[in-house]
Amino acid sequence: MSQTQTTFPRWIPLLGGLLGSTACGLLLYAFSVFIRPLMAQFGWTVPQVAMAYSIICLVFGLMTFPAGRLSDKYGPRNVVLIGGIIMAFGFYMVSTIKPPDPAVIAAGGEAAKAAGRSQLWLLYLYYGVIAGFGGGCVYLPPIATAPKWWPDRRALATGFTVVGLGLGSFIMAPMATGLINHYGSALPVFRIVGIAMLIIVVIAALCLKVPPAGYKPAGWNPPAPAGGATAKATRDFTYEESKATPQFWLLWVAYFCGSFAGLMCIGLIAKHGIDAMSLKYIADKGLATIKNIPPADAKAIAMAAAVAPSTLGIFNAAVHIMVGPLIDKIGS
């Protein structure tokens, strides 16, 4: 195979991957800060709101399979651009869900439950299905594209493209909580962040490009196969070839287990923080219920709880950066 170079800066696809995964981090990794505000405004229960997160994780994950194949056929730029528009649209549309009359929610009872349930399907549709569909299209193509530009630092390139998941959470959790406190509602935040997502993914898509066939970085030559000239050279597998190997399914199981534990924590971490600090507050102050907490103190508790997903996100990002060079050096 001929080996070629190009004048296109190879760091640009890395930037595209970083921006794309940051948009996905805004979508997924700070959802827990919305749970309590949505419950208060719509009268929904924790399981009802958490179901939206379960749906988006399922749809997001399922879409990565066809997204990879579509990226191979139509190019990562087109897939990320279209997927990003769909993702931003779904997230934005959550802001259009009309909440029930506050007096009905405050009164409680079956009327409040019925009023909330009538709008719940829209949360599942907009956030879970539509935004999840688009997010799955945004996430995978940059991950597959970056190592093609960085064959000499494949693991580092892959890690850098997904570091935005943690970065998005680091930014989103305190920002969204501050906006919720300012507006007194979660709905305007979906509108603002939806617009920001659209801008981010358009820039990300424009940064993505597949290198020419036989591309290699200047001054780098592929290492000789271990075992001498008779050893088989490494190559990329197609999707059909990959899924026929045991390594594919072992990796799938490993990712499933990691995602099961990680996303379960990520999806509820801020809500649990608010609950724990609120219970301590009412115990210390001798209040009857959480509803008796003064609004200013409730906002302060929410901001403190937002530190948890933000901290989780920044450590997630740091690990992605640190592990890549180690894998490039010593192997996985």
C-alpha atoms as a PDB file:
ATOM      1  CA  MET A   1       0.000   0.000   0.000  1.00  0.00           C
ATOM      2  CA  SER A   2       1.309   3.458  -0.878  1.00  0.00           C
ATOM      3  CA  GLN A   3       1.895   5.777   2.022  1.00  0.00           C
ATOM      4  CA  THR A   4       0.896   9.415   1.640  1.00  0.00           C
ATOM      5  CA  GLN A   5       0.873  12.624   3.607  1.00  0.00           C
ATOM      6  CA  THR A   6      -1.474  15.607   3.553  1.00  0.00           C
ATOM      7  CA  THR A   7      -1.328  19.268   4.475  1.00  0.00           C
ATOM      8  CA  PHE A   8      -4.536  18.968   6.524  1.00  0.00           C
ATOM      9  CA  PRO A   9      -3.528  19.438  10.201  1.00  0.00           C
ATOM     10  CA  ARG A  10      -4.182  16.167  11.967  1.00  0.00           C
ATOM     11  CA  TRP A  11      -5.005  17.855  15.276  1.00  0.00           C
ATOM     12  CA  ILE A  12      -8.208  19.281  13.787  1.00  0.00           C
ATOM     13  CA  PRO A  13     -10.094  15.930  13.821  1.00  0.00           C
ATOM     14  CA  LEU A  14      -9.015  15.606  17.462  1.00  0.00           C
ATOM     15  CA  LEU A  15     -10.634  18.959  18.165  1.00  0.00           C
ATOM     16  CA  GLY A  16     -13.760  17.759  16.368  1.00  0.00           C
ATOM     17  CA  GLY A  17     -13.855  14.669  18.545  1.00  0.00           C
ATOM     18  CA  LEU A  18     -13.335  16.713  21.701  1.00  0.00           C
ATOM     19  CA  LEU A  19     -16.191  19.050  20.807  1.00  0.00           C
ATOM     20  CA  GLY A  20     -18.483  16.197  19.794  1.00  0.00           C
ATOM     21  CA  SER A  21     -17.926  14.296  23.022  1.00  0.00           C
ATOM     22  CA  THR A  22     -18.343  17.524  25.009  1.00  0.00           C
ATOM     23  CA  ALA A  23     -21.795  17.919  23.460  1.00  0.00           C
ATOM     24  CA  CYS A  24     -22.552  14.319  24.452  1.00  0.00           C
ATOM     25  CA  GLY A  25     -21.317  15.102  27.964  1.00  0.00           C
ATOM     26  CA  LEU A  26     -23.768  18.012  28.139  1.00  0.00           C
ATOM     27  CA  LEU A  27     -26.479  15.614  27.015  1.00  0.00           C
ATOM     28  CA  LEU A  28     -25.795  12.664  29.324  1.00  0.00           C
ATOM     29  CA  TYR A  29     -23.431  13.267  32.192  1.00  0.00           C
ATOM     30  CA  ALA A  30     -25.225  16.034  34.116  1.00  0.00           C
ATOM     31  CA  PHE A  31     -28.823  14.818  33.880  1.00  0.00           C
ATOM     32  CA  SER A  32     -28.968  14.220  37.619  1.00  0.00           C
ATOM     33  CA  VAL A  33     -29.116  17.972  38.317  1.00  0.00           C
ATOM     34  CA  PHE A  34     -32.445  18.135  36.444  1.00  0.00           C
ATOM     35  CA  ILE A  35     -34.239  15.397  38.390  1.00  0.00           C
ATOM     36  CA  ARG A  36     -35.388  17.361  41.441  1.00  0.00           C
ATOM     37  CA  PRO A  37     -36.428  20.491  39.473  1.00  0.00           C
ATOM     38  CA  LEU A  38     -38.459  18.412  36.993  1.00  0.00           C
ATOM     39  CA  MET A  39     -40.126  16.525  39.845  1.00  0.00           C
ATOM     40  CA  ALA A  40     -41.074  19.791  41.541  1.00  0.00           C
ATOM     41  CA  GLN A  41     -42.453  21.409  38.389  1.00  0.00           C
ATOM     42  CA  PHE A  42     -44.335  18.456  36.894  1.00  0.00           C
ATOM     43  CA  GLY A  43     -45.175  16.344  39.938  1.00  0.00           C
ATOM     44  CA  TRP A  44     -43.219  13.416  38.518  1.00  0.00           C
ATOM     45  CA  THR A  45     -41.641  10.737  40.698  1.00  0.00           C
ATOM     46  CA  VAL A  46     -37.980   9.726  40.742  1.00  0.00           C
ATOM     47  CA  PRO A  47     -38.615   6.501  38.764  1.00  0.00           C
ATOM     48  CA  GLN A  48     -40.611   8.422  36.156  1.00  0.00           C
ATOM     49  CA  VAL A  49     -37.852  10.973  35.544  1.00  0.00           C
ATOM     50  CA  ALA A  50     -35.078   8.387  35.790  1.00  0.00           C
ATOM     51  CA  MET A  51     -36.813   6.353  33.079  1.00  0.00           C
ATOM     52  CA  ALA A  52     -35.986   9.147  30.617  1.00  0.00           C
ATOM     53  CA  TYR A  53     -32.311   8.627  31.407  1.00  0.00           C
ATOM     54  CA  SER A  54     -32.642   4.875  30.955  1.00  0.00           C
ATOM     55  CA  ILE A  55     -34.279   5.416  27.566  1.00  0.00           C
ATOM     56  CA  ILE A  56     -31.623   7.816  26.326  1.00  0.00           C
ATOM     57  CA  CYS A  57     -28.806   5.499  27.422  1.00  0.00           C
ATOM     58  CA  LEU A  58     -30.454   2.605  25.564  1.00  0.00           C
ATOM     59  CA  VAL A  59     -31.146   4.565  22.372  1.00  0.00           C
ATOM     60  CA  PHE A  60     -27.731   6.258  22.483  1.00  0.00           C
ATOM     61  CA  GLY A  61     -25.973   2.913  22.820  1.00  0.00           C
ATOM     62  CA  LEU A  62     -28.007   1.174  20.126  1.00  0.00           C
ATOM     63  CA  MET A  63     -27.360   3.991  17.650  1.00  0.00           C
ATOM     64  CA  THR A  64     -23.584   3.621  17.845  1.00  0.00           C
ATOM     65  CA  PHE A  65     -23.795   0.445  15.738  1.00  0.00           C
ATOM     66  CA  PRO A  66     -25.473   1.977  12.671  1.00  0.00           C
ATOM     67  CA  ALA A  67     -23.639   5.290  13.213  1.00  0.00           C
ATOM     68  CA  GLY A  68     -20.313   3.579  12.593  1.00  0.00           C
ATOM     69  CA  ARG A  69     -21.523   2.010   9.381  1.00  0.00           C
ATOM     70  CA  LEU A  70     -23.115   5.259   8.200  1.00  0.00           C
ATOM     71  CA  SER A  71     -19.846   7.055   8.935  1.00  0.00           C
ATOM     72  CA  ASP A  72     -17.943   4.578   6.759  1.00  0.00           C
ATOM     73  CA  LYS A  73     -20.432   5.084   3.933  1.00  0.00           C
ATOM     74  CA  TYR A  74     -21.185   8.814   4.055  1.00  0.00           C
ATOM     75  CA  GLY A  75     -18.257  10.197   6.049  1.00  0.00           C
ATOM     76  CA  PRO A  76     -18.039  11.232   9.716  1.00  0.00           C
ATOM     77  CA  ARG A  77     -18.735  14.888   8.968  1.00  0.00           C
ATOM     78  CA  ASN A  78     -22.175  14.222   7.510  1.00  0.00           C
ATOM     79  CA  VAL A  79     -23.192  11.757  10.219  1.00  0.00           C
ATOM     80  CA  VAL A  80     -22.085  14.020  13.085  1.00  0.00           C
ATOM     81  CA  LEU A  81     -23.706  17.087  11.523  1.00  0.00           C
ATOM     82  CA  ILE A  82     -27.093  15.439  10.991  1.00  0.00           C
ATOM     83  CA  GLY A  83     -26.940  13.576  14.309  1.00  0.00           C
ATOM     84  CA  GLY A  84     -25.934  16.736  16.137  1.00  0.00           C
ATOM     85  CA  ILE A  85     -28.857  18.694  14.726  1.00  0.00           C
ATOM     86  CA  ILE A  86     -31.234  15.931  15.828  1.00  0.00           C
ATOM     87  CA  MET A  87     -29.625  15.769  19.284  1.00  0.00           C
ATOM     88  CA  ALA A  88     -29.826  19.531  19.825  1.00  0.00           C
ATOM     89  CA  PHE A  89     -33.418  19.593  18.545  1.00  0.00           C
ATOM     90  CA  GLY A  90     -34.510  16.873  20.982  1.00  0.00           C
ATOM     91  CA  PHE A  91     -32.807  18.557  23.932  1.00  0.00           C
ATOM     92  CA  TYR A  92     -34.260  21.950  23.003  1.00  0.00           C
ATOM     93  CA  MET A  93     -37.769  20.557  22.628  1.00  0.00           C
ATOM     94  CA  VAL A  94     -37.845  19.530  26.299  1.00  0.00           C
ATOM     95  CA  SER A  95     -38.112  23.262  27.023  1.00  0.00           C
ATOM     96  CA  THR A  96     -41.440  23.352  25.154  1.00  0.00           C
ATOM     97  CA  ILE A  97     -43.166  20.818  27.434  1.00  0.00           C
ATOM     98  CA  LYS A  98     -45.968  22.684  29.188  1.00  0.00           C
ATOM     99  CA  PRO A  99     -45.966  22.116  32.957  1.00  0.00           C
ATOM    100  CA  PRO A 100     -49.243  21.619  34.845  1.00  0.00           C
ATOM    101  CA  ASP A 101     -50.827  24.392  36.876  1.00  0.00           C
ATOM    102  CA  PRO A 102     -48.551  24.949  39.919  1.00  0.00           C
ATOM    103  CA  ALA A 103     -51.625  25.008  42.167  1.00  0.00           C
ATOM    104  CA  VAL A 104     -52.573  21.509  40.993  1.00  0.00           C
ATOM    105  CA  ILE A 105     -49.061  20.203  41.679  1.00  0.00           C
ATOM    106  CA  ALA A 106     -48.956  21.898  45.093  1.00  0.00           C
ATOM    107  CA  ALA A 107     -52.279  20.332  46.055  1.00  0.00           C
ATOM    108  CA  GLY A 108     -50.954  16.850  45.330  1.00  0.00           C
ATOM    109  CA  GLY A 109     -53.210  13.848  45.083  1.00  0.00           C
ATOM    110  CA  GLU A 110     -54.434  11.993  42.018  1.00  0.00           C
ATOM    111  CA  ALA A 111     -55.121  15.187  40.075  1.00  0.00           C
ATOM    112  CA  ALA A 112     -51.463  16.207  40.336  1.00  0.00           C
ATOM    113  CA  LYS A 113     -50.276  12.747  39.332  1.00  0.00           C
ATOM    114  CA  ALA A 114     -52.586  12.669  36.319  1.00  0.00           C
ATOM    115  CA  ALA A 115     -51.519  16.153  35.210  1.00  0.00           C
ATOM    116  CA  GLY A 116     -47.860  15.168  35.357  1.00  0.00           C
ATOM    117  CA  ARG A 117     -48.351  11.842  33.585  1.00  0.00           C
ATOM    118  CA  SER A 118     -50.063  13.548  30.660  1.00  0.00           C
ATOM    119  CA  GLN A 119     -46.788  15.282  29.761  1.00  0.00           C
ATOM    120  CA  LEU A 120     -44.318  12.573  30.730  1.00  0.00           C
ATOM    121  CA  TRP A 121     -44.316  10.886  27.314  1.00  0.00           C
ATOM    122  CA  LEU A 122     -42.952  14.097  25.788  1.00  0.00           C
ATOM    123  CA  LEU A 123     -39.892  13.933  28.052  1.00  0.00           C
ATOM    124  CA  TYR A 124     -39.311  10.352  26.954  1.00  0.00           C
ATOM    125  CA  LEU A 125     -39.766  11.263  23.280  1.00  0.00           C
ATOM    126  CA  TYR A 126     -37.711  14.468  23.147  1.00  0.00           C
ATOM    127  CA  TYR A 127     -34.911  13.636  25.567  1.00  0.00           C
ATOM    128  CA  GLY A 128     -34.873   9.854  25.540  1.00  0.00           C
ATOM    129  CA  VAL A 129     -35.576   8.952  21.908  1.00  0.00           C
ATOM    130  CA  ILE A 130     -34.797  11.971  19.709  1.00  0.00           C
ATOM    131  CA  ALA A 131     -31.812  13.389  21.611  1.00  0.00           C
ATOM    132  CA  GLY A 132     -30.529   9.863  22.274  1.00  0.00           C
ATOM    133  CA  PHE A 133     -30.766   8.990  18.567  1.00  0.00           C
ATOM    134  CA  GLY A 134     -28.782  12.070  17.590  1.00  0.00           C
ATOM    135  CA  GLY A 135     -26.262  11.662  20.398  1.00  0.00           C
ATOM    136  CA  GLY A 136     -25.395   8.134  19.302  1.00  0.00           C
ATOM    137  CA  CYS A 137     -24.646   9.480  15.820  1.00  0.00           C
ATOM    138  CA  VAL A 138     -22.393  12.211  17.232  1.00  0.00           C
ATOM    139  CA  TYR A 139     -20.390  10.063  19.640  1.00  0.00           C
ATOM    140  CA  LEU A 140     -18.887   7.226  17.601  1.00  0.00           C
ATOM    141  CA  PRO A 141     -17.651   8.653  14.248  1.00  0.00           C
ATOM    142  CA  PRO A 142     -14.950  10.909  15.785  1.00  0.00           C
ATOM    143  CA  ILE A 143     -13.667   7.982  17.865  1.00  0.00           C
ATOM    144  CA  ALA A 144     -13.258   5.911  14.711  1.00  0.00           C
ATOM    145  CA  THR A 145     -11.730   8.804  12.751  1.00  0.00           C
ATOM    146  CA  ALA A 146      -9.088  10.105  15.176  1.00  0.00           C
ATOM    147  CA  PRO A 147      -6.829   6.991  15.256  1.00  0.00           C
ATOM    148  CA  LYS A 148      -6.657   7.046  11.448  1.00  0.00           C
ATOM    149  CA  TRP A 149      -4.925  10.418  11.712  1.00  0.00           C
ATOM    150  CA  TRP A 150      -2.768   9.303  14.642  1.00  0.00           C
ATOM    151  CA  PRO A 151      -1.562   5.749  13.881  1.00  0.00           C
ATOM    152  CA  ASP A 152       1.522   6.532  15.952  1.00  0.00           C
ATOM    153  CA  ARG A 153      -0.543   7.512  19.035  1.00  0.00           C
ATOM    154  CA  ARG A 154      -3.803   5.651  18.563  1.00  0.00           C
ATOM    155  CA  ALA A 155      -4.776   5.268  22.229  1.00  0.00           C
ATOM    156  CA  LEU A 156      -3.936   8.872  23.070  1.00  0.00           C
ATOM    157  CA  ALA A 157      -6.001  10.082  20.110  1.00  0.00           C
ATOM    158  CA  THR A 158      -8.957   7.926  21.117  1.00  0.00           C
ATOM    159  CA  GLY A 159      -8.737   9.086  24.731  1.00  0.00           C
ATOM    160  CA  PHE A 160      -8.586  12.727  23.697  1.00  0.00           C
ATOM    161  CA  THR A 161     -11.689  12.440  21.528  1.00  0.00           C
ATOM    162  CA  VAL A 162     -13.782  11.149  24.446  1.00  0.00           C
ATOM    163  CA  VAL A 163     -12.349  13.439  27.121  1.00  0.00           C
ATOM    164  CA  GLY A 164     -15.208  15.812  26.379  1.00  0.00           C
ATOM    165  CA  LEU A 165     -17.671  13.478  28.121  1.00  0.00           C
ATOM    166  CA  GLY A 166     -16.096  14.380  31.435  1.00  0.00           C
ATOM    167  CA  LEU A 167     -15.454  17.962  30.375  1.00  0.00           C
ATOM    168  CA  GLY A 168     -19.110  18.395  29.427  1.00  0.00           C
ATOM    169  CA  SER A 169     -20.214  17.159  32.837  1.00  0.00           C
ATOM    170  CA  PHE A 170     -17.682  19.398  34.575  1.00  0.00           C
ATOM    171  CA  ILE A 171     -19.141  22.420  32.776  1.00  0.00           C
ATOM    172  CA  MET A 172     -22.797  21.437  32.658  1.00  0.00           C
ATOM    173  CA  ALA A 173     -23.535  20.464  36.259  1.00  0.00           C
ATOM    174  CA  PRO A 174     -22.748  23.796  37.975  1.00  0.00           C
ATOM    175  CA  MET A 175     -23.843  25.853  34.958  1.00  0.00           C
ATOM    176  CA  ALA A 176     -27.231  24.132  34.682  1.00  0.00           C
ATOM    177  CA  THR A 177     -27.798  24.317  38.436  1.00  0.00           C
ATOM    178  CA  GLY A 178     -26.991  28.028  38.463  1.00  0.00           C
ATOM    179  CA  LEU A 179     -29.399  28.635  35.585  1.00  0.00           C
ATOM    180  CA  ILE A 180     -32.121  26.568  37.267  1.00  0.00           C
ATOM    181  CA  ASN A 181     -31.683  28.621  40.438  1.00  0.00           C
ATOM    182  CA  HIS A 182     -31.821  31.831  38.390  1.00  0.00           C
ATOM    183  CA  TYR A 183     -34.923  30.977  36.354  1.00  0.00           C
ATOM    184  CA  GLY A 184     -36.672  28.903  39.011  1.00  0.00           C
ATOM    185  CA  SER A 185     -37.250  26.206  36.394  1.00  0.00           C
ATOM    186  CA  ALA A 186     -35.274  23.594  34.466  1.00  0.00           C
ATOM    187  CA  LEU A 187     -37.085  24.249  31.174  1.00  0.00           C
ATOM    188  CA  PRO A 188     -35.168  27.393  30.086  1.00  0.00           C
ATOM    189  CA  VAL A 189     -31.922  25.487  30.624  1.00  0.00           C
ATOM    190  CA  PHE A 190     -32.921  22.905  28.029  1.00  0.00           C
ATOM    191  CA  ARG A 191     -33.509  25.738  25.560  1.00  0.00           C
ATOM    192  CA  ILE A 192     -30.197  27.497  26.252  1.00  0.00           C
ATOM    193  CA  VAL A 193     -28.095  24.333  26.272  1.00  0.00           C
ATOM    194  CA  GLY A 194     -29.905  22.989  23.202  1.00  0.00           C
ATOM    195  CA  ILE A 195     -28.781  26.040  21.228  1.00  0.00           C
ATOM    196  CA  ALA A 196     -25.237  25.700  22.602  1.00  0.00           C
ATOM    197  CA  MET A 197     -25.206  22.022  21.591  1.00  0.00           C
ATOM    198  CA  LEU A 198     -26.135  22.926  18.029  1.00  0.00           C
ATOM    199  CA  ILE A 199     -23.253  25.393  17.742  1.00  0.00           C
ATOM    200  CA  ILE A 200     -20.781  22.920  19.247  1.00  0.00           C
ATOM    201  CA  VAL A 201     -21.720  19.987  17.013  1.00  0.00           C
ATOM    202  CA  VAL A 202     -21.678  22.072  13.826  1.00  0.00           C
ATOM    203  CA  ILE A 203     -18.102  23.140  14.602  1.00  0.00           C
ATOM    204  CA  ALA A 204     -17.236  19.545  15.545  1.00  0.00           C
ATOM    205  CA  ALA A 205     -18.590  18.205  12.256  1.00  0.00           C
ATOM    206  CA  LEU A 206     -16.635  20.746  10.215  1.00  0.00           C
ATOM    207  CA  CYS A 207     -13.425  19.547  11.895  1.00  0.00           C
ATOM    208  CA  LEU A 208     -13.901  15.918  10.857  1.00  0.00           C
ATOM    209  CA  LYS A 209     -12.310  14.463   7.751  1.00  0.00           C
ATOM    210  CA  VAL A 210     -11.048  11.018   6.799  1.00  0.00           C
ATOM    211  CA  PRO A 211      -7.330  10.901   5.862  1.00  0.00           C
ATOM    212  CA  PRO A 212      -6.352   9.827   2.347  1.00  0.00           C
ATOM    213  CA  ALA A 213      -5.723   6.150   1.699  1.00  0.00           C
ATOM    214  CA  GLY A 214      -2.273   5.083   2.851  1.00  0.00           C
ATOM    215  CA  TYR A 215      -1.833   8.158   5.051  1.00  0.00           C
ATOM    216  CA  LYS A 216       1.028   8.257   7.532  1.00  0.00           C
ATOM    217  CA  PRO A 217       2.355  11.171   9.599  1.00  0.00           C
ATOM    218  CA  ALA A 218       5.550  12.797   8.378  1.00  0.00           C
ATOM    219  CA  GLY A 219       8.619  11.062   9.780  1.00  0.00           C
ATOM    220  CA  TRP A 220       6.713   8.011  11.028  1.00  0.00           C
ATOM    221  CA  ASN A 221       6.865   4.518   9.597  1.00  0.00           C
ATOM    222  CA  PRO A 222       4.654   1.607  10.656  1.00  0.00           C
ATOM    223  CA  PRO A 223       6.518  -0.738  13.021  1.00  0.00           C
ATOM    224  CA  ALA A 224       7.651  -4.045  11.571  1.00  0.00           C
ATOM    225  CA  PRO A 225       5.323  -6.931  12.496  1.00  0.00           C
ATOM    226  CA  ALA A 226       6.475  -8.921  15.519  1.00  0.00           C
ATOM    227  CA  GLY A 227       7.962 -12.222  14.430  1.00  0.00           C
ATOM    228  CA  GLY A 228       9.709 -10.988  11.327  1.00  0.00           C
ATOM    229  CA  ALA A 229       8.644 -10.692   7.717  1.00  0.00           C
ATOM    230  CA  THR A 230       6.481 -13.806   7.856  1.00  0.00           C
ATOM    231  CA  ALA A 231       4.197 -12.379  10.556  1.00  0.00           C
ATOM    232  CA  LYS A 232       0.818 -10.970   9.563  1.00  0.00           C
ATOM    233  CA  ALA A 233       0.648  -7.195   9.369  1.00  0.00           C
ATOM    234  CA  THR A 234      -1.975  -5.487  11.496  1.00  0.00           C
ATOM    235  CA  ARG A 235      -5.073  -4.174   9.738  1.00  0.00           C
ATOM    236  CA  ASP A 236      -8.440  -2.653  10.466  1.00  0.00           C
ATOM    237  CA  PHE A 237     -11.430  -5.005  10.588  1.00  0.00           C
ATOM    238  CA  THR A 238     -14.800  -4.258   9.055  1.00  0.00           C
ATOM    239  CA  TYR A 239     -17.867  -4.330  11.282  1.00  0.00           C
ATOM    240  CA  GLU A 240     -18.941  -7.712   9.917  1.00  0.00           C
ATOM    241  CA  GLU A 241     -15.460  -9.148  10.508  1.00  0.00           C
ATOM    242  CA  SER A 242     -15.224  -7.647  13.991  1.00  0.00           C
ATOM    243  CA  LYS A 243     -18.466  -9.072  15.334  1.00  0.00           C
ATOM    244  CA  ALA A 244     -17.341 -12.561  14.310  1.00  0.00           C
ATOM    245  CA  THR A 245     -14.369 -12.414  16.706  1.00  0.00           C
ATOM    246  CA  PRO A 246     -14.434 -13.306  20.432  1.00  0.00           C
ATOM    247  CA  GLN A 247     -12.467 -10.136  21.201  1.00  0.00           C
ATOM    248  CA  PHE A 248     -15.382  -8.017  19.966  1.00  0.00           C
ATOM    249  CA  TRP A 249     -17.854  -9.645  22.334  1.00  0.00           C
ATOM    250  CA  LEU A 250     -15.441  -9.610  25.267  1.00  0.00           C
ATOM    251  CA  LEU A 251     -15.010  -5.876  24.778  1.00  0.00           C
ATOM    252  CA  TRP A 252     -18.781  -5.494  24.442  1.00  0.00           C
ATOM    253  CA  VAL A 253     -19.364  -7.248  27.771  1.00  0.00           C
ATOM    254  CA  ALA A 254     -16.632  -5.178  29.431  1.00  0.00           C
ATOM    255  CA  TYR A 255     -18.157  -1.934  28.187  1.00  0.00           C
ATOM    256  CA  PHE A 256     -21.640  -3.076  29.198  1.00  0.00           C
ATOM    257  CA  CYS A 257     -20.532  -3.805  32.758  1.00  0.00           C
ATOM    258  CA  GLY A 258     -18.612  -0.545  33.035  1.00  0.00           C
ATOM    259  CA  SER A 259     -21.470   1.486  31.585  1.00  0.00           C
ATOM    260  CA  PHE A 260     -24.058  -0.246  33.776  1.00  0.00           C
ATOM    261  CA  ALA A 261     -22.240   0.750  36.948  1.00  0.00           C
ATOM    262  CA  GLY A 262     -20.998   4.137  35.779  1.00  0.00           C
ATOM    263  CA  LEU A 263     -24.189   5.469  34.222  1.00  0.00           C
ATOM    264  CA  MET A 264     -26.288   4.266  37.155  1.00  0.00           C
ATOM    265  CA  CYS A 265     -24.165   6.487  39.398  1.00  0.00           C
ATOM    266  CA  ILE A 266     -23.942   9.395  36.947  1.00  0.00           C
ATOM    267  CA  GLY A 267     -27.690   9.480  36.352  1.00  0.00           C
ATOM    268  CA  LEU A 268     -28.604  10.012  40.016  1.00  0.00           C
ATOM    269  CA  ILE A 269     -25.527  11.409  41.746  1.00  0.00           C
ATOM    270  CA  ALA A 270     -26.670  15.043  42.140  1.00  0.00           C
ATOM    271  CA  LYS A 271     -30.174  13.996  43.181  1.00  0.00           C
ATOM    272  CA  HIS A 272     -28.751  11.778  45.932  1.00  0.00           C
ATOM    273  CA  GLY A 273     -26.518  14.644  47.046  1.00  0.00           C
ATOM    274  CA  ILE A 274     -29.479  17.010  47.308  1.00  0.00           C
ATOM    275  CA  ASP A 275     -31.462  14.429  49.281  1.00  0.00           C
ATOM    276  CA  ALA A 276     -28.639  13.717  51.730  1.00  0.00           C
ATOM    277  CA  MET A 277     -27.809  17.369  52.384  1.00  0.00           C
ATOM    278  CA  SER A 278     -31.491  18.326  52.641  1.00  0.00           C
ATOM    279  CA  LEU A 279     -32.151  15.625  55.235  1.00  0.00           C
ATOM    280  CA  LYS A 280     -29.169  16.791  57.266  1.00  0.00           C
ATOM    281  CA  TYR A 281     -30.354  20.394  56.989  1.00  0.00           C
ATOM    282  CA  ILE A 282     -33.879  19.712  58.286  1.00  0.00           C
ATOM    283  CA  ALA A 283     -32.455  17.570  61.095  1.00  0.00           C
ATOM    284  CA  ASP A 284     -30.059  20.342  62.141  1.00  0.00           C
ATOM    285  CA  LYS A 285     -32.722  23.064  61.891  1.00  0.00           C
ATOM    286  CA  GLY A 286     -35.558  21.032  63.392  1.00  0.00           C
ATOM    287  CA  LEU A 287     -37.773  21.388  60.308  1.00  0.00           C
ATOM    288  CA  ALA A 288     -40.632  19.014  59.542  1.00  0.00           C
ATOM    289  CA  THR A 289     -39.997  18.326  55.842  1.00  0.00           C
ATOM    290  CA  ILE A 290     -37.686  19.245  52.985  1.00  0.00           C
ATOM    291  CA  LYS A 291     -40.403  21.580  51.680  1.00  0.00           C
ATOM    292  CA  ASN A 292     -39.780  23.815  54.707  1.00  0.00           C
ATOM    293  CA  ILE A 293     -36.191  24.593  53.647  1.00  0.00           C
ATOM    294  CA  PRO A 294     -35.903  28.318  52.764  1.00  0.00           C
ATOM    295  CA  PRO A 295     -35.514  28.866  48.987  1.00  0.00           C
ATOM    296  CA  ALA A 296     -32.089  30.493  49.304  1.00  0.00           C
ATOM    297  CA  ASP A 297     -30.750  27.544  51.293  1.00  0.00           C
ATOM    298  CA  ALA A 298     -32.356  25.048  48.895  1.00  0.00           C
ATOM    299  CA  LYS A 299     -30.519  26.740  46.017  1.00  0.00           C
ATOM    300  CA  ALA A 300     -27.248  26.576  47.952  1.00  0.00           C
ATOM    301  CA  ILE A 301     -27.775  22.855  48.576  1.00  0.00           C
ATOM    302  CA  ALA A 302     -28.405  22.279  44.860  1.00  0.00           C
ATOM    303  CA  MET A 303     -25.194  24.113  43.935  1.00  0.00           C
ATOM    304  CA  ALA A 304     -23.233  22.081  46.476  1.00  0.00           C
ATOM    305  CA  ALA A 305     -24.680  18.839  45.091  1.00  0.00           C
ATOM    306  CA  ALA A 306     -23.651  19.877  41.560  1.00  0.00           C
ATOM    307  CA  VAL A 307     -20.031  19.578  42.667  1.00  0.00           C
ATOM    308  CA  ALA A 308     -20.413  15.779  42.665  1.00  0.00           C
ATOM    309  CA  PRO A 309     -21.114  15.254  38.926  1.00  0.00           C
ATOM    310  CA  SER A 310     -18.665  18.027  38.124  1.00  0.00           C
ATOM    311  CA  THR A 311     -15.907  16.323  40.129  1.00  0.00           C
ATOM    312  CA  LEU A 312     -16.755  12.949  38.636  1.00  0.00           C
ATOM    313  CA  GLY A 313     -16.546  14.493  35.174  1.00  0.00           C
ATOM    314  CA  ILE A 314     -13.162  16.135  35.585  1.00  0.00           C
ATOM    315  CA  PHE A 315     -11.599  12.950  36.954  1.00  0.00           C
ATOM    316  CA  ASN A 316     -13.178  11.006  34.099  1.00  0.00           C
ATOM    317  CA  ALA A 317     -11.545  13.423  31.653  1.00  0.00           C
ATOM    318  CA  ALA A 318      -8.185  13.229  33.414  1.00  0.00           C
ATOM    319  CA  VAL A 319      -8.122   9.427  33.295  1.00  0.00           C
ATOM    320  CA  HIS A 320      -8.846   9.420  29.560  1.00  0.00           C
ATOM    321  CA  ILE A 321      -5.851  11.689  28.997  1.00  0.00           C
ATOM    322  CA  MET A 322      -3.497   9.768  31.308  1.00  0.00           C
ATOM    323  CA  VAL A 323      -4.340   6.237  30.194  1.00  0.00           C
ATOM    324  CA  GLY A 324      -3.889   6.854  26.453  1.00  0.00           C
ATOM    325  CA  PRO A 325      -0.102   7.402  26.519  1.00  0.00           C
ATOM    326  CA  LEU A 326       0.332   4.375  28.802  1.00  0.00           C
ATOM    327  CA  ILE A 327      -1.538   2.126  26.377  1.00  0.00           C
ATOM    328  CA  ASP A 328       0.490   3.465  23.449  1.00  0.00           C
ATOM    329  CA  LYS A 329       3.662   2.646  25.371  1.00  0.00           C
ATOM    330  CA  ILE A 330       2.964  -0.671  27.103  1.00  0.00           C
ATOM    331  CA  GLY A 331      -0.178  -1.927  25.358  1.00  0.00           C
ATOM    332  CA  SER A 332      -3.692  -2.535  26.602  1.00  0.00           C
END
